[in-house]
Amino acid sequence: METQFEKVPSNVQEMPERAEETLQAARERLNETLAGINEHARTVARYADETVHANPWRSIGIGFGVGVLIGALATLAATRR
């Protein structure tokens, strides 16, 4: 007498193994992508740090301008409601 498992076609029995391989490959690819993003973020942060140290007053002015712009937009959005 055949069991339920023996009635299943062989390609279906291999699916869990293939799923595990696919999952492992996806994890490896995700880890590589995250490592690349992490390295890029460090490079950008290093550049920003060097730029701010080279131009402190300009950086303060830009930060102030961006803050005023965001504040104005937030005030405008709040008064329209």
PDB file of N, CA and C in Angstrom:
ATOM      1  N   MET A   1       0.832  -1.169   0.000  1.00  0.00           N
ATOM      2  CA  MET A   1       0.000   0.000   0.000  1.00  0.00           C
ATOM      3  C   MET A   1       0.892   1.253   0.000  1.00  0.00           C
ATOM      4  N   GLU A   2       0.598   2.237  -0.904  1.00  0.00           N
ATOM      5  CA  GLU A   2       1.400   3.446  -1.008  1.00  0.00           C
ATOM      6  C   GLU A   2       0.963   4.461   0.044  1.00  0.00           C
ATOM      7  N   THR A   3       1.939   5.184   0.545  1.00  0.00           N
ATOM      8  CA  THR A   3       1.617   6.262   1.481  1.00  0.00           C
ATOM      9  C   THR A   3       1.333   7.545   0.700  1.00  0.00           C
ATOM     10  N   GLN A   4       0.796   8.526   1.362  1.00  0.00           N
ATOM     11  CA  GLN A   4       0.520   9.817   0.722  1.00  0.00           C
ATOM     12  C   GLN A   4       1.794  10.402   0.125  1.00  0.00           C
ATOM     13  N   PHE A   5       2.901  10.280   0.831  1.00  0.00           N
ATOM     14  CA  PHE A   5       4.169  10.869   0.392  1.00  0.00           C
ATOM     15  C   PHE A   5       4.661  10.218  -0.892  1.00  0.00           C
ATOM     16  N   GLU A   6       4.461   8.936  -1.042  1.00  0.00           N
ATOM     17  CA  GLU A   6       4.926   8.229  -2.225  1.00  0.00           C
ATOM     18  C   GLU A   6       4.095   8.573  -3.455  1.00  0.00           C
ATOM     19  N   LYS A   7       2.870   9.034  -3.274  1.00  0.00           N
ATOM     20  CA  LYS A   7       2.015   9.401  -4.389  1.00  0.00           C
ATOM     21  C   LYS A   7       2.370  10.765  -4.972  1.00  0.00           C
ATOM     22  N   VAL A   8       3.085  11.573  -4.211  1.00  0.00           N
ATOM     23  CA  VAL A   8       3.431  12.919  -4.650  1.00  0.00           C
ATOM     24  C   VAL A   8       4.517  12.818  -5.714  1.00  0.00           C
ATOM     25  N   PRO A   9       4.370  13.559  -6.819  1.00  0.00           N
ATOM     26  CA  PRO A   9       5.399  13.527  -7.851  1.00  0.00           C
ATOM     27  C   PRO A   9       6.742  13.981  -7.293  1.00  0.00           C
ATOM     28  N   SER A  10       7.819  13.490  -7.876  1.00  0.00           N
ATOM     29  CA  SER A  10       9.151  13.762  -7.340  1.00  0.00           C
ATOM     30  C   SER A  10       9.497  15.249  -7.354  1.00  0.00           C
ATOM     31  N   ASN A  11       9.044  15.990  -8.350  1.00  0.00           N
ATOM     32  CA  ASN A  11       9.390  17.409  -8.376  1.00  0.00           C
ATOM     33  C   ASN A  11       8.763  18.178  -7.219  1.00  0.00           C
ATOM     34  N   VAL A  12       7.643  17.735  -6.714  1.00  0.00           N
ATOM     35  CA  VAL A  12       7.005  18.374  -5.566  1.00  0.00           C
ATOM     36  C   VAL A  12       7.773  18.025  -4.293  1.00  0.00           C
ATOM     37  N   GLN A  13       8.294  16.811  -4.206  1.00  0.00           N
ATOM     38  CA  GLN A  13       9.076  16.421  -3.039  1.00  0.00           C
ATOM     39  C   GLN A  13      10.360  17.244  -2.955  1.00  0.00           C
ATOM     40  N   GLU A  14      10.875  17.677  -4.078  1.00  0.00           N
ATOM     41  CA  GLU A  14      12.115  18.455  -4.091  1.00  0.00           C
ATOM     42  C   GLU A  14      11.864  19.928  -3.772  1.00  0.00           C
ATOM     43  N   MET A  15      10.633  20.360  -3.773  1.00  0.00           N
ATOM     44  CA  MET A  15      10.323  21.776  -3.565  1.00  0.00           C
ATOM     45  C   MET A  15      10.853  22.324  -2.246  1.00  0.00           C
ATOM     46  N   PRO A  16      10.690  21.653  -1.107  1.00  0.00           N
ATOM     47  CA  PRO A  16      11.241  22.211   0.130  1.00  0.00           C
ATOM     48  C   PRO A  16      12.752  22.409   0.045  1.00  0.00           C
ATOM     49  N   GLU A  17      13.447  21.482  -0.603  1.00  0.00           N
ATOM     50  CA  GLU A  17      14.899  21.623  -0.743  1.00  0.00           C
ATOM     51  C   GLU A  17      15.227  22.836  -1.616  1.00  0.00           C
ATOM     52  N   ARG A  18      14.496  22.991  -2.717  1.00  0.00           N
ATOM     53  CA  ARG A  18      14.717  24.145  -3.597  1.00  0.00           C
ATOM     54  C   ARG A  18      14.347  25.441  -2.890  1.00  0.00           C
ATOM     55  N   ALA A  19      13.293  25.402  -2.093  1.00  0.00           N
ATOM     56  CA  ALA A  19      12.875  26.598  -1.365  1.00  0.00           C
ATOM     57  C   ALA A  19      13.967  27.013  -0.385  1.00  0.00           C
ATOM     58  N   GLU A  20      14.579  26.055   0.267  1.00  0.00           N
ATOM     59  CA  GLU A  20      15.668  26.345   1.207  1.00  0.00           C
ATOM     60  C   GLU A  20      16.855  26.958   0.478  1.00  0.00           C
ATOM     61  N   GLU A  21      17.185  26.412  -0.694  1.00  0.00           N
ATOM     62  CA  GLU A  21      18.287  26.955  -1.485  1.00  0.00           C
ATOM     63  C   GLU A  21      17.964  28.370  -1.948  1.00  0.00           C
ATOM     64  N   THR A  22      16.728  28.590  -2.373  1.00  0.00           N
ATOM     65  CA  THR A  22      16.318  29.913  -2.836  1.00  0.00           C
ATOM     66  C   THR A  22      16.348  30.909  -1.689  1.00  0.00           C
ATOM     67  N   LEU A  23      15.884  30.484  -0.522  1.00  0.00           N
ATOM     68  CA  LEU A  23      15.896  31.353   0.643  1.00  0.00           C
ATOM     69  C   LEU A  23      17.328  31.706   1.033  1.00  0.00           C
ATOM     70  N   GLN A  24      18.213  30.734   1.007  1.00  0.00           N
ATOM     71  CA  GLN A  24      19.619  30.976   1.343  1.00  0.00           C
ATOM     72  C   GLN A  24      20.246  31.942   0.345  1.00  0.00           C
ATOM     73  N   ALA A  25      19.957  31.762  -0.937  1.00  0.00           N
ATOM     74  CA  ALA A  25      20.493  32.664  -1.962  1.00  0.00           C
ATOM     75  C   ALA A  25      19.953  34.081  -1.767  1.00  0.00           C
ATOM     76  N   ALA A  26      18.672  34.185  -1.412  1.00  0.00           N
ATOM     77  CA  ALA A  26      18.072  35.506  -1.173  1.00  0.00           C
ATOM     78  C   ALA A  26      18.715  36.172   0.043  1.00  0.00           C
ATOM     79  N   ARG A  27      18.982  35.397   1.083  1.00  0.00           N
ATOM     80  CA  ARG A  27      19.646  35.955   2.276  1.00  0.00           C
ATOM     81  C   ARG A  27      21.037  36.469   1.933  1.00  0.00           C
ATOM     82  N   GLU A  28      21.778  35.688   1.165  1.00  0.00           N
ATOM     83  CA  GLU A  28      23.126  36.101   0.782  1.00  0.00           C
ATOM     84  C   GLU A  28      23.083  37.374  -0.052  1.00  0.00           C
ATOM     85  N   ARG A  29      22.150  37.438  -0.989  1.00  0.00           N
ATOM     86  CA  ARG A  29      22.028  38.624  -1.836  1.00  0.00           C
ATOM     87  C   ARG A  29      21.626  39.838  -1.002  1.00  0.00           C
ATOM     88  N   LEU A  30      20.711  39.648  -0.058  1.00  0.00           N
ATOM     89  CA  LEU A  30      20.289  40.736   0.816  1.00  0.00           C
ATOM     90  C   LEU A  30      21.461  41.223   1.668  1.00  0.00           C
ATOM     91  N   ASN A  31      22.238  40.299   2.215  1.00  0.00           N
ATOM     92  CA  ASN A  31      23.393  40.681   3.020  1.00  0.00           C
ATOM     93  C   ASN A  31      24.416  41.460   2.188  1.00  0.00           C
ATOM     94  N   GLU A  32      24.641  41.042   0.949  1.00  0.00           N
ATOM     95  CA  GLU A  32      25.567  41.763   0.075  1.00  0.00           C
ATOM     96  C   GLU A  32      25.043  43.162  -0.228  1.00  0.00           C
ATOM     97  N   THR A  33      23.745  43.264  -0.484  1.00  0.00           N
ATOM     98  CA  THR A  33      23.139  44.563  -0.770  1.00  0.00           C
ATOM     99  C   THR A  33      23.239  45.478   0.440  1.00  0.00           C
ATOM    100  N   LEU A  34      22.927  44.944   1.620  1.00  0.00           N
ATOM    101  CA  LEU A  34      23.003  45.748   2.837  1.00  0.00           C
ATOM    102  C   LEU A  34      24.435  46.185   3.127  1.00  0.00           C
ATOM    103  N   ALA A  35      25.404  45.328   2.856  1.00  0.00           N
ATOM    104  CA  ALA A  35      26.807  45.696   3.057  1.00  0.00           C
ATOM    105  C   ALA A  35      27.191  46.838   2.116  1.00  0.00           C
ATOM    106  N   GLY A  36      26.722  46.776   0.879  1.00  0.00           N
ATOM    107  CA  GLY A  36      26.998  47.847  -0.070  1.00  0.00           C
ATOM    108  C   GLY A  36      26.348  49.158   0.345  1.00  0.00           C
ATOM    109  N   ILE A  37      25.108  49.083   0.804  1.00  0.00           N
ATOM    110  CA  ILE A  37      24.402  50.283   1.268  1.00  0.00           C
ATOM    111  C   ILE A  37      25.095  50.863   2.492  1.00  0.00           C
ATOM    112  N   ASN A  38      25.519  50.000   3.387  1.00  0.00           N
ATOM    113  CA  ASN A  38      26.207  50.435   4.601  1.00  0.00           C
ATOM    114  C   ASN A  38      27.509  51.157   4.242  1.00  0.00           C
ATOM    115  N   GLU A  39      28.264  50.608   3.317  1.00  0.00           N
ATOM    116  CA  GLU A  39      29.520  51.225   2.905  1.00  0.00           C
ATOM    117  C   GLU A  39      29.262  52.572   2.239  1.00  0.00           C
ATOM    118  N   HIS A  40      28.234  52.639   1.394  1.00  0.00           N
ATOM    119  CA  HIS A  40      27.897  53.903   0.730  1.00  0.00           C
ATOM    120  C   HIS A  40      27.471  54.951   1.762  1.00  0.00           C
ATOM    121  N   ALA A  41      26.678  54.546   2.739  1.00  0.00           N
ATOM    122  CA  ALA A  41      26.231  55.472   3.784  1.00  0.00           C
ATOM    123  C   ALA A  41      27.420  56.003   4.579  1.00  0.00           C
ATOM    124  N   ARG A  42      28.382  55.149   4.868  1.00  0.00           N
ATOM    125  CA  ARG A  42      29.581  55.599   5.591  1.00  0.00           C
ATOM    126  C   ARG A  42      30.369  56.605   4.764  1.00  0.00           C
ATOM    127  N   THR A  43      30.468  56.349   3.454  1.00  0.00           N
ATOM    128  CA  THR A  43      31.191  57.269   2.571  1.00  0.00           C
ATOM    129  C   THR A  43      30.505  58.628   2.541  1.00  0.00           C
ATOM    130  N   VAL A  44      29.170  58.626   2.415  1.00  0.00           N
ATOM    131  CA  VAL A  44      28.414  59.877   2.381  1.00  0.00           C
ATOM    132  C   VAL A  44      28.541  60.613   3.717  1.00  0.00           C
ATOM    133  N   ALA A  45      28.463  59.890   4.810  1.00  0.00           N
ATOM    134  CA  ALA A  45      28.587  60.513   6.135  1.00  0.00           C
ATOM    135  C   ALA A  45      29.982  61.108   6.319  1.00  0.00           C
ATOM    136  N   ARG A  46      31.000  60.400   5.870  1.00  0.00           N
ATOM    137  CA  ARG A  46      32.377  60.902   5.956  1.00  0.00           C
ATOM    138  C   ARG A  46      32.523  62.193   5.144  1.00  0.00           C
ATOM    139  N   TYR A  47      31.952  62.203   3.925  1.00  0.00           N
ATOM    140  CA  TYR A  47      32.002  63.391   3.078  1.00  0.00           C
ATOM    141  C   TYR A  47      31.278  64.566   3.741  1.00  0.00           C
ATOM    142  N   ALA A  48      30.091  64.308   4.294  1.00  0.00           N
ATOM    143  CA  ALA A  48      29.326  65.369   4.961  1.00  0.00           C
ATOM    144  C   ALA A  48      30.101  65.919   6.151  1.00  0.00           C
ATOM    145  N   ASP A  49      30.724  65.052   6.920  1.00  0.00           N
ATOM    146  CA  ASP A  49      31.501  65.474   8.083  1.00  0.00           C
ATOM    147  C   ASP A  49      32.663  66.363   7.661  1.00  0.00           C
ATOM    148  N   GLU A  50      33.379  65.947   6.616  1.00  0.00           N
ATOM    149  CA  GLU A  50      34.511  66.743   6.126  1.00  0.00           C
ATOM    150  C   GLU A  50      34.042  68.092   5.593  1.00  0.00           C
ATOM    151  N   THR A  51      32.907  68.108   4.883  1.00  0.00           N
ATOM    152  CA  THR A  51      32.388  69.352   4.326  1.00  0.00           C
ATOM    153  C   THR A  51      31.964  70.310   5.426  1.00  0.00           C
ATOM    154  N   VAL A  52      31.296  69.803   6.448  1.00  0.00           N
ATOM    155  CA  VAL A  52      30.864  70.660   7.559  1.00  0.00           C
ATOM    156  C   VAL A  52      32.079  71.212   8.296  1.00  0.00           C
ATOM    157  N   HIS A  53      33.101  70.399   8.498  1.00  0.00           N
ATOM    158  CA  HIS A  53      34.299  70.883   9.181  1.00  0.00           C
ATOM    159  C   HIS A  53      35.051  71.913   8.334  1.00  0.00           C
ATOM    160  N   ALA A  54      35.011  71.772   7.033  1.00  0.00           N
ATOM    161  CA  ALA A  54      35.697  72.718   6.148  1.00  0.00           C
ATOM    162  C   ALA A  54      34.923  74.028   6.012  1.00  0.00           C
ATOM    163  N   ASN A  55      33.609  73.981   6.138  1.00  0.00           N
ATOM    164  CA  ASN A  55      32.749  75.164   5.954  1.00  0.00           C
ATOM    165  C   ASN A  55      31.712  75.258   7.069  1.00  0.00           C
ATOM    166  N   PRO A  56      32.133  75.526   8.297  1.00  0.00           N
ATOM    167  CA  PRO A  56      31.155  75.485   9.393  1.00  0.00           C
ATOM    168  C   PRO A  56      30.072  76.554   9.293  1.00  0.00           C
ATOM    169  N   TRP A  57      30.401  77.771   8.937  1.00  0.00           N
ATOM    170  CA  TRP A  57      29.403  78.837   8.887  1.00  0.00           C
ATOM    171  C   TRP A  57      28.429  78.623   7.745  1.00  0.00           C
ATOM    172  N   ARG A  58      28.915  78.156   6.628  1.00  0.00           N
ATOM    173  CA  ARG A  58      28.025  77.865   5.508  1.00  0.00           C
ATOM    174  C   ARG A  58      27.057  76.753   5.901  1.00  0.00           C
ATOM    175  N   SER A  59      27.565  75.738   6.609  1.00  0.00           N
ATOM    176  CA  SER A  59      26.715  74.627   7.050  1.00  0.00           C
ATOM    177  C   SER A  59      25.643  75.106   8.019  1.00  0.00           C
ATOM    178  N   ILE A  60      26.017  76.013   8.915  1.00  0.00           N
ATOM    179  CA  ILE A  60      25.043  76.572   9.856  1.00  0.00           C
ATOM    180  C   ILE A  60      23.971  77.348   9.101  1.00  0.00           C
ATOM    181  N   GLY A  61      24.386  78.154   8.121  1.00  0.00           N
ATOM    182  CA  GLY A  61      23.437  78.929   7.324  1.00  0.00           C
ATOM    183  C   GLY A  61      22.483  78.039   6.548  1.00  0.00           C
ATOM    184  N   ILE A  62      23.010  76.985   5.950  1.00  0.00           N
ATOM    185  CA  ILE A  62      22.154  76.054   5.199  1.00  0.00           C
ATOM    186  C   ILE A  62      21.169  75.369   6.140  1.00  0.00           C
ATOM    187  N   GLY A  63      21.654  74.923   7.289  1.00  0.00           N
ATOM    188  CA  GLY A  63      20.770  74.287   8.276  1.00  0.00           C
ATOM    189  C   GLY A  63      19.675  75.227   8.742  1.00  0.00           C
ATOM    190  N   PHE A  64      20.042  76.488   8.965  1.00  0.00           N
ATOM    191  CA  PHE A  64      19.056  77.481   9.382  1.00  0.00           C
ATOM    192  C   PHE A  64      18.017  77.697   8.284  1.00  0.00           C
ATOM    193  N   GLY A  65      18.472  77.827   7.049  1.00  0.00           N
ATOM    194  CA  GLY A  65      17.559  78.032   5.919  1.00  0.00           C
ATOM    195  C   GLY A  65      16.598  76.870   5.731  1.00  0.00           C
ATOM    196  N   VAL A  66      17.120  75.663   5.846  1.00  0.00           N
ATOM    197  CA  VAL A  66      16.265  74.482   5.709  1.00  0.00           C
ATOM    198  C   VAL A  66      15.255  74.436   6.849  1.00  0.00           C
ATOM    199  N   GLY A  67      15.681  74.787   8.051  1.00  0.00           N
ATOM    200  CA  GLY A  67      14.764  74.814   9.195  1.00  0.00           C
ATOM    201  C   GLY A  67      13.651  75.825   9.022  1.00  0.00           C
ATOM    202  N   VAL A  68      13.998  77.022   8.513  1.00  0.00           N
ATOM    203  CA  VAL A  68      12.982  78.045   8.264  1.00  0.00           C
ATOM    204  C   VAL A  68      11.998  77.566   7.202  1.00  0.00           C
ATOM    205  N   LEU A  69      12.519  76.959   6.132  1.00  0.00           N
ATOM    206  CA  LEU A  69      11.656  76.465   5.064  1.00  0.00           C
ATOM    207  C   LEU A  69      10.694  75.390   5.575  1.00  0.00           C
ATOM    208  N   ILE A  70      11.201  74.448   6.337  1.00  0.00           N
ATOM    209  CA  ILE A  70      10.343  73.387   6.889  1.00  0.00           C
ATOM    210  C   ILE A  70       9.316  73.986   7.851  1.00  0.00           C
ATOM    211  N   GLY A  71       9.737  74.944   8.680  1.00  0.00           N
ATOM    212  CA  GLY A  71       8.805  75.598   9.597  1.00  0.00           C
ATOM    213  C   GLY A  71       7.711  76.340   8.854  1.00  0.00           C
ATOM    214  N   ALA A  72       8.089  77.041   7.772  1.00  0.00           N
ATOM    215  CA  ALA A  72       7.093  77.767   6.987  1.00  0.00           C
ATOM    216  C   ALA A  72       6.102  76.808   6.331  1.00  0.00           C
ATOM    217  N   LEU A  73       6.610  75.718   5.795  1.00  0.00           N
ATOM    218  CA  LEU A  73       5.721  74.729   5.172  1.00  0.00           C
ATOM    219  C   LEU A  73       4.793  74.084   6.197  1.00  0.00           C
ATOM    220  N   ALA A  74       5.322  73.788   7.382  1.00  0.00           N
ATOM    221  CA  ALA A  74       4.496  73.190   8.434  1.00  0.00           C
ATOM    222  C   ALA A  74       3.415  74.163   8.891  1.00  0.00           C
ATOM    223  N   THR A  75       3.783  75.448   9.015  1.00  0.00           N
ATOM    224  CA  THR A  75       2.804  76.464   9.414  1.00  0.00           C
ATOM    225  C   THR A  75       1.734  76.626   8.350  1.00  0.00           C
ATOM    226  N   LEU A  76       2.145  76.660   7.095  1.00  0.00           N
ATOM    227  CA  LEU A  76       1.210  76.772   5.990  1.00  0.00           C
ATOM    228  C   LEU A  76       0.239  75.588   5.968  1.00  0.00           C
ATOM    229  N   ALA A  77       0.781  74.379   6.166  1.00  0.00           N
ATOM    230  CA  ALA A  77      -0.068  73.179   6.169  1.00  0.00           C
ATOM    231  C   ALA A  77      -1.041  73.212   7.357  1.00  0.00           C
ATOM    232  N   ALA A  78      -0.596  73.708   8.506  1.00  0.00           N
ATOM    233  CA  ALA A  78      -1.456  73.733   9.694  1.00  0.00           C
ATOM    234  C   ALA A  78      -2.568  74.773   9.550  1.00  0.00           C
ATOM    235  N   THR A  79      -2.288  75.886   8.881  1.00  0.00           N
ATOM    236  CA  THR A  79      -3.312  76.922   8.761  1.00  0.00           C
ATOM    237  C   THR A  79      -4.337  76.606   7.690  1.00  0.00           C
ATOM    238  N   ARG A  80      -4.022  75.727   6.776  1.00  0.00           N
ATOM    239  CA  ARG A  80      -4.962  75.344   5.721  1.00  0.00           C
ATOM    240  C   ARG A  80      -6.016  74.364   6.219  1.00  0.00           C
ATOM    241  N   ARG A  81      -5.831  73.763   7.318  1.00  0.00           N
ATOM    242  CA  ARG A  81      -6.777  72.751   7.816  1.00  0.00           C
ATOM    243  C   ARG A  81      -7.922  73.378   8.494  1.00  0.00           C
TER     244      ARG A  81
END
